[in-house]
Amino acid sequence: MRWLTLYARSRQVPATLAALLIGAVAVGALARDGGAGPVDPRLPLLVLATGAMAASTGLGGQDLALDRTAAIRWAPRRAAHVLLAGAVVAAVPLLARMAGSGMAGVAFVVRDGAGLMGLGALGAALWGASYAWTLPFAWLSYAFFAPPPTGVPARVASWLLLPAGTPAATWTALTLTVTGTAAYALAGPRR
């Protein structure tokens, strides 16, 4: 069990969990409207993006040379790390929803959490763990300030805020998840 503790510390898991919980509490405090209106999808998206950005910085260890020369196969562990981080990131808004805080639906949260973690993993593979947060942040920024989507390319670009069940959003999130996880699992974080 000690190796799991060391791995979690080297990947900044305690700091990631703290950032995720602080983000969820802050967004929950901002969202208190008494359930008067429909759920704004931007609020759970902020929680998901905060968690994905925090988790993506832990996709690289303290010594990348050690990661690359270890006697174990890293690809399955890297893929598991991304998928587990995505599950934890998605679990926080879902737990808030179960507690009655009016967060978005399960399909929306799972889709966006998986897509954002895929973006973070892709960022780690392209630019390294210290800059892995930039892709989720850039796409979140675009989604918040983009005009309402009219065509398929615009729906693909603003997939984060589209309702659950929208084919363009679902396929975009799935593509980002698979591409980012595969790139990170096979190549690892960039130096």
Protein backbone atom coordinates (compact mmCIF):
# COMPACT_ATOMS: atom_id res chain seq x y z
CA MET A 1 0.00 0.00 0.00
CA ARG A 2 2.95 2.28 0.48
CA TRP A 3 3.59 2.49 -3.27
CA LEU A 4 0.04 3.79 -3.77
CA THR A 5 0.59 6.49 -1.14
CA LEU A 6 3.88 7.52 -2.72
CA TYR A 7 2.30 7.55 -6.18
CA ALA A 8 -0.59 9.69 -4.95
CA ARG A 9 1.77 12.19 -3.35
CA SER A 10 4.01 12.37 -6.41
CA ARG A 11 0.95 13.06 -8.59
CA GLN A 12 -0.35 15.77 -6.24
CA VAL A 13 -3.57 13.92 -5.44
CA PRO A 14 -4.14 15.60 -2.03
CA ALA A 15 -3.77 19.07 -3.57
CA THR A 16 -6.04 18.09 -6.45
CA LEU A 17 -8.75 16.86 -4.09
CA ALA A 18 -8.46 20.03 -2.03
CA ALA A 19 -8.79 22.23 -5.13
CA LEU A 20 -11.77 20.19 -6.34
CA LEU A 21 -13.59 20.42 -3.02
CA ILE A 22 -12.86 24.12 -2.58
CA GLY A 23 -14.10 24.77 -6.12
CA ALA A 24 -17.27 22.77 -5.49
CA VAL A 25 -18.00 24.61 -2.23
CA ALA A 26 -17.36 28.01 -3.85
CA VAL A 27 -19.59 27.25 -6.83
CA GLY A 28 -22.23 25.80 -4.50
CA ALA A 29 -22.21 29.02 -2.50
CA LEU A 30 -22.62 31.05 -5.68
CA ALA A 31 -25.43 28.83 -6.90
CA ARG A 32 -27.75 29.22 -3.92
CA ASP A 33 -30.96 30.49 -5.44
CA GLY A 34 -33.40 28.25 -3.63
CA GLY A 35 -34.09 26.14 -6.71
CA ALA A 36 -36.23 28.88 -8.23
CA GLY A 37 -35.16 28.38 -11.83
CA PRO A 38 -33.56 25.89 -14.16
CA VAL A 39 -30.04 24.72 -13.46
CA ASP A 40 -27.41 26.84 -15.17
CA PRO A 41 -24.99 24.38 -16.84
CA ARG A 42 -22.10 26.79 -16.33
CA LEU A 43 -22.02 26.19 -12.57
CA PRO A 44 -21.38 22.42 -12.60
CA LEU A 45 -19.08 23.00 -15.56
CA LEU A 46 -16.95 25.30 -13.39
CA VAL A 47 -16.64 22.53 -10.80
CA LEU A 48 -15.70 20.00 -13.48
CA ALA A 49 -13.19 22.34 -15.11
CA THR A 50 -11.59 23.19 -11.76
CA GLY A 51 -11.17 19.52 -10.98
CA ALA A 52 -9.90 18.61 -14.44
CA MET A 53 -7.38 21.45 -14.44
CA ALA A 54 -6.15 20.54 -10.96
CA ALA A 55 -5.94 16.83 -11.82
CA SER A 56 -4.15 17.45 -15.10
CA THR A 57 -1.21 19.10 -13.34
CA GLY A 58 -0.67 15.80 -11.51
CA LEU A 59 -0.27 13.81 -14.71
CA GLY A 60 3.51 14.07 -14.44
CA GLY A 61 5.72 12.95 -11.60
CA GLN A 62 8.61 14.70 -9.97
CA ASP A 63 11.17 12.94 -12.15
CA LEU A 64 10.10 12.23 -15.73
CA ALA A 65 13.26 10.25 -16.45
CA LEU A 66 12.37 7.90 -13.59
CA ASP A 67 8.87 7.47 -14.99
CA ARG A 68 10.25 6.57 -18.41
CA THR A 69 12.89 4.10 -17.19
CA ALA A 70 10.93 2.23 -14.55
CA ALA A 71 10.67 -1.53 -14.91
CA ILE A 72 6.88 -1.43 -15.01
CA ARG A 73 4.59 -0.81 -17.96
CA TRP A 74 3.37 2.76 -17.64
CA ALA A 75 0.74 2.87 -20.39
CA PRO A 76 -2.00 1.00 -18.45
CA ARG A 77 -1.22 2.96 -15.29
CA ARG A 78 -1.34 6.28 -17.12
CA ALA A 79 -4.67 5.40 -18.73
CA ALA A 80 -6.06 4.28 -15.37
CA HIS A 81 -4.84 7.52 -13.78
CA VAL A 82 -6.70 9.64 -16.34
CA LEU A 83 -9.89 7.56 -16.11
CA LEU A 84 -9.84 7.49 -12.31
CA ALA A 85 -9.21 11.25 -12.16
CA GLY A 86 -12.14 11.79 -14.54
CA ALA A 87 -14.37 9.63 -12.36
CA VAL A 88 -13.43 11.56 -9.21
CA VAL A 89 -13.90 14.91 -10.97
CA ALA A 90 -17.37 13.84 -12.16
CA ALA A 91 -18.30 12.36 -8.77
CA VAL A 92 -18.18 15.69 -6.92
CA PRO A 93 -21.01 17.42 -8.86
CA LEU A 94 -22.97 14.16 -8.80
CA LEU A 95 -22.66 13.98 -5.02
CA ALA A 96 -23.74 17.61 -4.80
CA ARG A 97 -26.74 16.73 -6.96
CA MET A 98 -27.64 13.85 -4.63
CA ALA A 99 -27.39 16.27 -1.71
CA GLY A 100 -30.01 18.41 -3.42
CA SER A 101 -27.92 21.37 -4.52
CA GLY A 102 -29.48 21.53 -7.99
CA MET A 103 -26.47 20.59 -10.10
CA ALA A 104 -26.78 19.32 -13.67
CA GLY A 105 -27.84 15.84 -14.73
CA VAL A 106 -25.71 12.71 -14.70
CA ALA A 107 -25.20 12.47 -18.48
CA PHE A 108 -24.07 16.10 -18.71
CA VAL A 109 -21.61 15.74 -15.82
CA VAL A 110 -20.14 12.44 -17.03
CA ARG A 111 -19.78 13.69 -20.62
CA ASP A 112 -18.13 16.97 -19.67
CA GLY A 113 -15.95 15.45 -16.93
CA ALA A 114 -14.62 12.80 -19.30
CA GLY A 115 -14.02 15.29 -22.11
CA LEU A 116 -12.25 17.77 -19.86
CA MET A 117 -9.96 15.07 -18.44
CA GLY A 118 -9.21 13.96 -21.99
CA LEU A 119 -8.24 17.53 -22.79
CA GLY A 120 -6.03 17.65 -19.70
CA ALA A 121 -4.33 14.39 -20.67
CA LEU A 122 -3.78 15.68 -24.19
CA GLY A 123 -2.30 18.86 -22.73
CA ALA A 124 0.07 16.80 -20.59
CA ALA A 125 1.19 14.80 -23.61
CA LEU A 126 1.69 17.94 -25.72
CA TRP A 127 3.12 20.45 -23.22
CA GLY A 128 3.90 18.59 -20.02
CA ALA A 129 2.03 18.32 -16.75
CA SER A 130 2.77 21.85 -15.62
CA TYR A 131 0.88 23.27 -18.63
CA ALA A 132 -1.70 20.51 -19.03
CA TRP A 133 -4.43 22.72 -17.55
CA THR A 134 -4.27 25.13 -20.51
CA LEU A 135 -6.39 23.05 -22.91
CA PRO A 136 -9.36 22.60 -20.52
CA PHE A 137 -9.11 26.27 -19.53
CA ALA A 138 -8.99 27.50 -23.14
CA TRP A 139 -11.98 25.39 -24.19
CA LEU A 140 -13.94 26.44 -21.11
CA SER A 141 -13.19 30.10 -21.85
CA TYR A 142 -14.34 29.69 -25.43
CA ALA A 143 -17.55 27.93 -24.37
CA PHE A 144 -18.41 30.70 -21.90
CA PHE A 145 -17.95 33.55 -24.35
CA ALA A 146 -18.85 32.01 -27.72
CA PRO A 147 -22.11 32.94 -29.43
CA PRO A 148 -24.89 30.32 -29.42
CA PRO A 149 -24.01 27.48 -31.80
CA THR A 150 -25.85 27.37 -35.10
CA GLY A 151 -24.06 24.77 -37.23
CA VAL A 152 -22.33 21.49 -36.54
CA PRO A 153 -18.80 23.01 -36.31
CA ALA A 154 -20.08 25.56 -33.79
CA ARG A 155 -21.76 22.79 -31.78
CA VAL A 156 -18.53 20.82 -31.76
CA ALA A 157 -16.61 23.88 -30.56
CA SER A 158 -19.13 24.67 -27.80
CA TRP A 159 -19.82 21.10 -26.71
CA LEU A 160 -19.27 21.89 -23.03
CA LEU A 161 -22.53 23.79 -22.58
CA LEU A 162 -24.79 21.81 -24.88
CA PRO A 163 -27.55 19.74 -23.26
CA ALA A 164 -27.02 16.06 -22.57
CA GLY A 165 -27.90 13.86 -25.50
CA THR A 166 -26.69 16.29 -28.15
CA PRO A 167 -24.84 14.06 -30.65
CA ALA A 168 -22.18 16.64 -31.57
CA ALA A 169 -21.34 17.23 -27.90
CA THR A 170 -21.31 13.55 -27.02
CA TRP A 171 -19.06 12.59 -29.93
CA THR A 172 -16.73 15.50 -29.29
CA ALA A 173 -16.34 14.57 -25.62
CA LEU A 174 -15.82 10.91 -26.49
CA THR A 175 -13.22 11.78 -29.13
CA LEU A 176 -11.35 14.07 -26.75
CA THR A 177 -11.44 11.48 -23.98
CA VAL A 178 -10.12 8.66 -26.15
CA THR A 179 -7.54 10.79 -27.95
CA GLY A 180 -6.22 12.47 -24.82
CA THR A 181 -6.10 9.27 -22.77
CA ALA A 182 -4.38 7.35 -25.56
CA ALA A 183 -1.84 10.10 -26.23
CA TYR A 184 -0.98 10.41 -22.56
CA ALA A 185 -0.90 6.65 -21.95
CA LEU A 186 1.39 5.95 -24.88
CA ALA A 187 3.64 9.00 -24.84
CA GLY A 188 3.48 10.09 -21.22
CA PRO A 189 3.91 13.70 -20.15
CA ARG A 190 6.21 15.83 -22.20
CA ARG A 191 9.44 16.93 -20.56
